[in-house]
Amino acid sequence: MTPAILAQVHAAAFDRDRPWSADEFADLLASPLVITVGDDRAFAMGRVIAPELEILTVACRRDMQRQGLGQACVLALLLAGQQKGAQTAFLEVADDNLAARHLYDRLGFEKVGVRRAYYDRTNGPAVDALVLSKALNA
């Protein structure tokens, strides 16, 4: 997928946050450590460093949500990360993003930390980020 398509899907998924730009995605894609799975409806992006897969972002266009696309992308990213040697996956999710939190709960992620007031909101106070982790070799 191109940086422009990634930016379009990201913008269509996140209306409370500042979406990532095509330039930001281009910078990430330039790294051989970055993995992207999905299509122009939904994608997941992560980076494998040492034995860890850091899930950088998961985005699903709002009109395509609740169809299992986000879960399929996360599962594909976990598998790709595992194939590149990752033994653990971790991510940050906004405390108020209940749909994402339920998805990660279903997939076996566990809360390992909190980053207070991490996500700025355009129309409200900043929201905590929950740091979640999951063993991939289990």
N, C-alpha and C. Protein backbone atom coordinates (compact mmCIF):
# COMPACT_ATOMS: atom_id res chain seq x y z
N MET A 1 0.84 -1.18 0.00
CA MET A 1 0.00 0.00 0.00
C MET A 1 0.89 1.24 0.00
N THR A 2 0.40 2.25 -0.63
CA THR A 2 1.16 3.49 -0.73
C THR A 2 0.95 4.34 0.53
N PRO A 3 1.88 5.25 0.79
CA PRO A 3 1.68 6.16 1.91
C PRO A 3 0.38 6.96 1.80
N ALA A 4 0.01 7.34 0.60
CA ALA A 4 -1.23 8.11 0.42
C ALA A 4 -2.46 7.30 0.81
N ILE A 5 -2.50 6.03 0.43
CA ILE A 5 -3.65 5.18 0.79
C ILE A 5 -3.67 4.95 2.30
N LEU A 6 -2.52 4.69 2.89
CA LEU A 6 -2.46 4.51 4.34
C LEU A 6 -2.99 5.76 5.05
N ALA A 7 -2.58 6.93 4.59
CA ALA A 7 -3.03 8.18 5.21
C ALA A 7 -4.54 8.37 5.04
N GLN A 8 -5.08 7.99 3.89
CA GLN A 8 -6.52 8.12 3.66
C GLN A 8 -7.31 7.21 4.60
N VAL A 9 -6.86 5.96 4.73
CA VAL A 9 -7.56 5.02 5.62
C VAL A 9 -7.44 5.50 7.06
N HIS A 10 -6.26 5.96 7.43
CA HIS A 10 -6.04 6.44 8.80
C HIS A 10 -6.96 7.62 9.10
N ALA A 11 -7.07 8.55 8.17
CA ALA A 11 -7.94 9.71 8.36
C ALA A 11 -9.41 9.30 8.45
N ALA A 12 -9.79 8.28 7.70
CA ALA A 12 -11.18 7.81 7.72
C ALA A 12 -11.49 7.04 9.00
N ALA A 13 -10.45 6.59 9.71
CA ALA A 13 -10.65 5.80 10.92
C ALA A 13 -10.64 6.64 12.19
N PHE A 14 -9.86 7.71 12.18
CA PHE A 14 -9.65 8.47 13.41
C PHE A 14 -10.17 9.89 13.26
N ASP A 15 -11.31 10.17 13.86
CA ASP A 15 -11.87 11.51 13.78
C ASP A 15 -11.65 12.31 15.07
N ARG A 16 -11.18 11.65 16.13
CA ARG A 16 -10.91 12.36 17.38
C ARG A 16 -9.43 12.67 17.55
N ASP A 17 -8.61 12.08 16.72
CA ASP A 17 -7.16 12.26 16.80
C ASP A 17 -6.66 12.88 15.51
N ARG A 18 -5.44 13.37 15.55
CA ARG A 18 -4.82 13.85 14.32
C ARG A 18 -4.36 12.63 13.53
N PRO A 19 -4.90 12.45 12.34
CA PRO A 19 -4.45 11.30 11.54
C PRO A 19 -3.01 11.50 11.07
N TRP A 20 -2.34 10.40 10.80
CA TRP A 20 -0.97 10.46 10.31
C TRP A 20 -0.96 10.86 8.84
N SER A 21 0.04 11.58 8.45
CA SER A 21 0.16 12.07 7.07
C SER A 21 0.83 11.03 6.17
N ALA A 22 0.71 11.24 4.88
CA ALA A 22 1.39 10.38 3.90
C ALA A 22 2.90 10.43 4.12
N ASP A 23 3.42 11.60 4.45
CA ASP A 23 4.87 11.71 4.70
C ASP A 23 5.29 10.89 5.91
N GLU A 24 4.47 10.89 6.96
CA GLU A 24 4.79 10.09 8.14
C GLU A 24 4.79 8.60 7.80
N PHE A 25 3.80 8.18 7.01
CA PHE A 25 3.76 6.78 6.60
C PHE A 25 4.95 6.45 5.69
N ALA A 26 5.31 7.35 4.81
CA ALA A 26 6.46 7.12 3.93
C ALA A 26 7.73 6.92 4.75
N ASP A 27 7.91 7.73 5.78
CA ASP A 27 9.08 7.59 6.64
C ASP A 27 9.10 6.21 7.31
N LEU A 28 7.96 5.77 7.80
CA LEU A 28 7.89 4.45 8.44
C LEU A 28 8.16 3.33 7.44
N LEU A 29 7.55 3.44 6.27
CA LEU A 29 7.71 2.39 5.26
C LEU A 29 9.15 2.27 4.75
N ALA A 30 9.93 3.31 4.92
CA ALA A 30 11.33 3.28 4.48
C ALA A 30 12.17 2.36 5.36
N SER A 31 11.68 1.99 6.52
CA SER A 31 12.43 1.13 7.43
C SER A 31 12.20 -0.35 7.09
N PRO A 32 13.25 -1.13 7.03
CA PRO A 32 13.08 -2.57 6.79
C PRO A 32 12.46 -3.30 7.99
N LEU A 33 12.36 -2.62 9.12
CA LEU A 33 11.79 -3.22 10.32
C LEU A 33 10.26 -3.15 10.35
N VAL A 34 9.68 -2.32 9.47
CA VAL A 34 8.24 -2.07 9.50
C VAL A 34 7.50 -3.08 8.63
N ILE A 35 6.39 -3.56 9.18
CA ILE A 35 5.50 -4.51 8.50
C ILE A 35 4.13 -3.84 8.38
N THR A 36 3.53 -3.95 7.21
CA THR A 36 2.17 -3.45 7.01
C THR A 36 1.34 -4.55 6.37
N VAL A 37 0.16 -4.80 6.92
CA VAL A 37 -0.77 -5.77 6.36
C VAL A 37 -2.12 -5.11 6.19
N GLY A 38 -2.88 -5.53 5.19
CA GLY A 38 -4.22 -4.99 4.98
C GLY A 38 -4.40 -4.46 3.59
N ASP A 39 -5.40 -3.61 3.46
CA ASP A 39 -5.73 -3.04 2.15
C ASP A 39 -6.34 -1.65 2.35
N ASP A 40 -7.06 -1.16 1.33
CA ASP A 40 -7.59 0.20 1.41
C ASP A 40 -8.85 0.32 2.28
N ARG A 41 -9.22 -0.76 2.95
CA ARG A 41 -10.33 -0.72 3.91
C ARG A 41 -9.84 -0.70 5.34
N ALA A 42 -8.76 -1.46 5.59
CA ALA A 42 -8.22 -1.58 6.94
C ALA A 42 -6.78 -2.06 6.84
N PHE A 43 -5.97 -1.64 7.81
CA PHE A 43 -4.58 -2.11 7.83
C PHE A 43 -4.06 -2.08 9.26
N ALA A 44 -2.97 -2.80 9.45
CA ALA A 44 -2.23 -2.76 10.70
C ALA A 44 -0.76 -2.59 10.34
N MET A 45 -0.06 -1.79 11.14
CA MET A 45 1.35 -1.52 10.89
C MET A 45 2.12 -1.72 12.19
N GLY A 46 3.25 -2.39 12.08
CA GLY A 46 4.08 -2.61 13.24
C GLY A 46 5.55 -2.62 12.86
N ARG A 47 6.36 -2.71 13.89
CA ARG A 47 7.81 -2.75 13.66
C ARG A 47 8.39 -3.79 14.60
N VAL A 48 9.25 -4.65 14.04
CA VAL A 48 9.90 -5.68 14.83
C VAL A 48 11.30 -5.19 15.18
N ILE A 49 11.56 -5.09 16.47
CA ILE A 49 12.87 -4.72 16.97
C ILE A 49 13.23 -5.74 18.06
N ALA A 50 14.35 -6.41 17.84
CA ALA A 50 14.79 -7.49 18.74
C ALA A 50 13.67 -8.52 18.84
N PRO A 51 13.30 -8.92 20.04
CA PRO A 51 12.23 -9.93 20.10
C PRO A 51 10.84 -9.34 20.27
N GLU A 52 10.66 -8.05 19.93
CA GLU A 52 9.35 -7.41 20.16
C GLU A 52 8.73 -6.89 18.87
N LEU A 53 7.43 -7.04 18.79
CA LEU A 53 6.63 -6.40 17.74
C LEU A 53 5.90 -5.24 18.38
N GLU A 54 6.23 -4.04 17.95
CA GLU A 54 5.51 -2.86 18.40
C GLU A 54 4.42 -2.57 17.38
N ILE A 55 3.17 -2.67 17.78
CA ILE A 55 2.06 -2.35 16.88
C ILE A 55 1.93 -0.83 16.89
N LEU A 56 2.22 -0.23 15.75
CA LEU A 56 2.25 1.22 15.65
C LEU A 56 0.86 1.81 15.47
N THR A 57 0.07 1.20 14.60
CA THR A 57 -1.30 1.68 14.38
C THR A 57 -2.12 0.59 13.72
N VAL A 58 -3.40 0.62 14.01
CA VAL A 58 -4.39 -0.22 13.36
C VAL A 58 -5.51 0.73 12.96
N ALA A 59 -5.90 0.68 11.69
CA ALA A 59 -6.93 1.60 11.21
C ALA A 59 -7.92 0.86 10.33
N CYS A 60 -9.18 1.16 10.54
CA CYS A 60 -10.25 0.61 9.71
C CYS A 60 -11.22 1.74 9.41
N ARG A 61 -11.48 1.95 8.12
CA ARG A 61 -12.43 3.01 7.76
C ARG A 61 -13.72 2.81 8.54
N ARG A 62 -14.31 3.89 8.98
CA ARG A 62 -15.53 3.80 9.80
C ARG A 62 -16.65 3.04 9.09
N ASP A 63 -16.77 3.22 7.78
CA ASP A 63 -17.84 2.54 7.04
C ASP A 63 -17.58 1.05 6.86
N MET A 64 -16.40 0.58 7.26
CA MET A 64 -16.06 -0.84 7.12
C MET A 64 -15.89 -1.52 8.49
N GLN A 65 -16.15 -0.81 9.56
CA GLN A 65 -15.97 -1.37 10.89
C GLN A 65 -17.06 -2.40 11.20
N ARG A 66 -16.75 -3.23 12.17
CA ARG A 66 -17.65 -4.30 12.66
C ARG A 66 -17.84 -5.40 11.62
N GLN A 67 -16.82 -5.60 10.79
CA GLN A 67 -16.85 -6.68 9.80
C GLN A 67 -15.69 -7.65 9.99
N GLY A 68 -14.92 -7.46 11.04
CA GLY A 68 -13.80 -8.34 11.33
C GLY A 68 -12.50 -7.97 10.63
N LEU A 69 -12.49 -6.85 9.92
CA LEU A 69 -11.29 -6.47 9.17
C LEU A 69 -10.14 -6.08 10.11
N GLY A 70 -10.44 -5.32 11.14
CA GLY A 70 -9.41 -4.93 12.09
C GLY A 70 -8.79 -6.14 12.76
N GLN A 71 -9.63 -7.06 13.19
CA GLN A 71 -9.12 -8.28 13.83
C GLN A 71 -8.26 -9.08 12.86
N ALA A 72 -8.71 -9.21 11.64
CA ALA A 72 -7.93 -9.95 10.64
C ALA A 72 -6.57 -9.29 10.42
N CYS A 73 -6.54 -7.98 10.39
CA CYS A 73 -5.27 -7.27 10.19
C CYS A 73 -4.34 -7.46 11.38
N VAL A 74 -4.89 -7.37 12.59
CA VAL A 74 -4.04 -7.56 13.78
C VAL A 74 -3.50 -8.98 13.80
N LEU A 75 -4.33 -9.96 13.53
CA LEU A 75 -3.86 -11.35 13.53
C LEU A 75 -2.78 -11.56 12.47
N ALA A 76 -2.97 -10.99 11.30
CA ALA A 76 -1.96 -11.11 10.24
C ALA A 76 -0.66 -10.44 10.66
N LEU A 77 -0.75 -9.29 11.33
CA LEU A 77 0.45 -8.59 11.79
C LEU A 77 1.16 -9.39 12.87
N LEU A 78 0.41 -9.98 13.80
CA LEU A 78 1.02 -10.80 14.84
C LEU A 78 1.78 -11.98 14.23
N LEU A 79 1.18 -12.63 13.24
CA LEU A 79 1.83 -13.75 12.57
C LEU A 79 3.08 -13.29 11.83
N ALA A 80 2.99 -12.19 11.11
CA ALA A 80 4.15 -11.67 10.38
C ALA A 80 5.27 -11.30 11.35
N GLY A 81 4.91 -10.70 12.47
CA GLY A 81 5.91 -10.36 13.48
C GLY A 81 6.57 -11.59 14.06
N GLN A 82 5.78 -12.60 14.32
CA GLN A 82 6.30 -13.85 14.86
C GLN A 82 7.26 -14.49 13.85
N GLN A 83 6.91 -14.43 12.57
CA GLN A 83 7.78 -14.99 11.54
C GLN A 83 9.11 -14.25 11.43
N LYS A 84 9.13 -13.00 11.88
CA LYS A 84 10.36 -12.21 11.87
C LYS A 84 11.09 -12.27 13.21
N GLY A 85 10.64 -13.16 14.10
CA GLY A 85 11.35 -13.39 15.34
C GLY A 85 10.78 -12.74 16.58
N ALA A 86 9.68 -12.02 16.46
CA ALA A 86 9.10 -11.38 17.64
C ALA A 86 8.50 -12.43 18.57
N GLN A 87 8.75 -12.26 19.84
CA GLN A 87 8.20 -13.16 20.85
C GLN A 87 7.11 -12.50 21.67
N THR A 88 7.07 -11.16 21.63
CA THR A 88 6.09 -10.39 22.37
C THR A 88 5.59 -9.26 21.49
N ALA A 89 4.31 -8.94 21.60
CA ALA A 89 3.75 -7.78 20.91
C ALA A 89 3.28 -6.79 21.97
N PHE A 90 3.43 -5.51 21.65
CA PHE A 90 2.88 -4.51 22.55
C PHE A 90 2.33 -3.35 21.73
N LEU A 91 1.47 -2.57 22.37
CA LEU A 91 0.82 -1.44 21.72
C LEU A 91 0.30 -0.49 22.76
N GLU A 92 -0.13 0.67 22.28
CA GLU A 92 -0.83 1.64 23.11
C GLU A 92 -2.21 1.83 22.51
N VAL A 93 -3.22 1.94 23.35
CA VAL A 93 -4.58 2.18 22.89
C VAL A 93 -5.21 3.23 23.80
N ALA A 94 -5.96 4.13 23.20
CA ALA A 94 -6.65 5.15 23.99
C ALA A 94 -7.67 4.49 24.91
N ASP A 95 -7.68 4.93 26.15
CA ASP A 95 -8.58 4.37 27.15
C ASP A 95 -10.04 4.48 26.72
N ASP A 96 -10.38 5.51 25.94
CA ASP A 96 -11.77 5.69 25.52
C ASP A 96 -12.11 4.99 24.20
N ASN A 97 -11.16 4.26 23.61
CA ASN A 97 -11.42 3.53 22.37
C ASN A 97 -11.91 2.12 22.72
N LEU A 98 -13.19 2.05 23.08
CA LEU A 98 -13.74 0.80 23.60
C LEU A 98 -13.73 -0.32 22.58
N ALA A 99 -14.00 -0.02 21.32
CA ALA A 99 -13.99 -1.07 20.29
C ALA A 99 -12.61 -1.70 20.18
N ALA A 100 -11.58 -0.88 20.14
CA ALA A 100 -10.21 -1.41 20.05
C ALA A 100 -9.85 -2.18 21.32
N ARG A 101 -10.23 -1.66 22.46
CA ARG A 101 -9.92 -2.35 23.72
C ARG A 101 -10.56 -3.72 23.77
N HIS A 102 -11.80 -3.83 23.30
CA HIS A 102 -12.48 -5.13 23.27
C HIS A 102 -11.77 -6.08 22.31
N LEU A 103 -11.35 -5.57 21.17
CA LEU A 103 -10.61 -6.39 20.21
C LEU A 103 -9.34 -6.95 20.86
N TYR A 104 -8.57 -6.08 21.48
CA TYR A 104 -7.31 -6.53 22.07
C TYR A 104 -7.55 -7.48 23.24
N ASP A 105 -8.63 -7.27 23.99
CA ASP A 105 -8.99 -8.21 25.06
C ASP A 105 -9.27 -9.59 24.46
N ARG A 106 -10.07 -9.62 23.39
CA ARG A 106 -10.41 -10.89 22.74
C ARG A 106 -9.17 -11.62 22.23
N LEU A 107 -8.16 -10.85 21.81
CA LEU A 107 -6.95 -11.45 21.25
C LEU A 107 -5.92 -11.79 22.33
N GLY A 108 -6.24 -11.54 23.58
CA GLY A 108 -5.37 -11.96 24.67
C GLY A 108 -4.33 -10.96 25.13
N PHE A 109 -4.47 -9.71 24.73
CA PHE A 109 -3.55 -8.67 25.21
C PHE A 109 -3.90 -8.35 26.66
N GLU A 110 -2.87 -8.02 27.43
CA GLU A 110 -3.06 -7.66 28.84
C GLU A 110 -2.46 -6.29 29.11
N LYS A 111 -3.09 -5.56 30.00
CA LYS A 111 -2.60 -4.23 30.38
C LYS A 111 -1.32 -4.36 31.21
N VAL A 112 -0.28 -3.62 30.77
CA VAL A 112 0.99 -3.64 31.50
C VAL A 112 1.40 -2.24 31.95
N GLY A 113 0.64 -1.22 31.56
CA GLY A 113 0.99 0.13 31.96
C GLY A 113 -0.02 1.15 31.48
N VAL A 114 0.16 2.38 31.95
CA VAL A 114 -0.70 3.50 31.57
C VAL A 114 0.18 4.71 31.31
N ARG A 115 -0.10 5.42 30.25
CA ARG A 115 0.54 6.72 29.99
C ARG A 115 -0.53 7.78 30.13
N ARG A 116 -0.44 8.55 31.19
CA ARG A 116 -1.46 9.54 31.53
C ARG A 116 -1.52 10.66 30.50
N ALA A 117 -2.76 11.00 30.12
CA ALA A 117 -3.03 12.14 29.22
C ALA A 117 -2.16 12.08 27.95
N TYR A 118 -2.04 10.91 27.39
CA TYR A 118 -1.14 10.67 26.25
C TYR A 118 -1.74 11.15 24.92
N TYR A 119 -3.03 10.93 24.74
CA TYR A 119 -3.69 11.28 23.48
C TYR A 119 -4.42 12.61 23.61
N ASP A 120 -4.00 13.60 22.85
CA ASP A 120 -4.72 14.87 22.80
C ASP A 120 -6.02 14.67 22.04
N ARG A 121 -7.04 15.36 22.46
CA ARG A 121 -8.33 15.33 21.77
C ARG A 121 -8.64 16.74 21.28
N THR A 122 -9.21 16.83 20.09
CA THR A 122 -9.53 18.14 19.52
C THR A 122 -10.66 18.81 20.28
N ASN A 123 -11.60 18.02 20.80
CA ASN A 123 -12.76 18.59 21.50
C ASN A 123 -12.90 18.00 22.89
N GLY A 124 -11.86 18.11 23.69
CA GLY A 124 -11.95 17.60 25.04
C GLY A 124 -10.59 17.38 25.65
N PRO A 125 -10.60 16.89 26.88
CA PRO A 125 -9.32 16.68 27.57
C PRO A 125 -8.54 15.51 26.98
N ALA A 126 -7.25 15.50 27.23
CA ALA A 126 -6.39 14.40 26.78
C ALA A 126 -6.83 13.10 27.45
N VAL A 127 -6.56 11.99 26.78
CA VAL A 127 -7.00 10.67 27.24
C VAL A 127 -5.76 9.81 27.52
N ASP A 128 -5.88 8.98 28.54
CA ASP A 128 -4.79 8.07 28.87
C ASP A 128 -4.60 7.03 27.77
N ALA A 129 -3.36 6.58 27.63
CA ALA A 129 -3.03 5.45 26.76
C ALA A 129 -2.80 4.24 27.65
N LEU A 130 -3.44 3.13 27.32
CA LEU A 130 -3.17 1.88 28.00
C LEU A 130 -2.09 1.16 27.21
N VAL A 131 -1.08 0.68 27.89
CA VAL A 131 -0.02 -0.09 27.25
C VAL A 131 -0.39 -1.56 27.44
N LEU A 132 -0.53 -2.27 26.32
CA LEU A 132 -0.94 -3.66 26.33
C LEU A 132 0.17 -4.54 25.76
N SER A 133 0.20 -5.78 26.20
CA SER A 133 1.22 -6.72 25.75
C SER A 133 0.62 -8.10 25.59
N LYS A 134 1.27 -8.89 24.72
CA LYS A 134 0.83 -10.26 24.48
C LYS A 134 2.03 -11.09 24.08
N ALA A 135 2.18 -12.26 24.70
CA ALA A 135 3.22 -13.20 24.32
C ALA A 135 2.82 -13.85 22.99
N LEU A 136 3.74 -13.95 22.06
CA LEU A 136 3.43 -14.53 20.76
C LEU A 136 3.81 -16.00 20.65
N ASN A 137 4.59 -16.48 21.57
CA ASN A 137 5.01 -17.88 21.50
C ASN A 137 4.10 -18.82 22.29
N ALA A 138 3.01 -18.28 22.81
CA ALA A 138 2.10 -19.12 23.63
C ALA A 138 1.04 -19.77 22.76
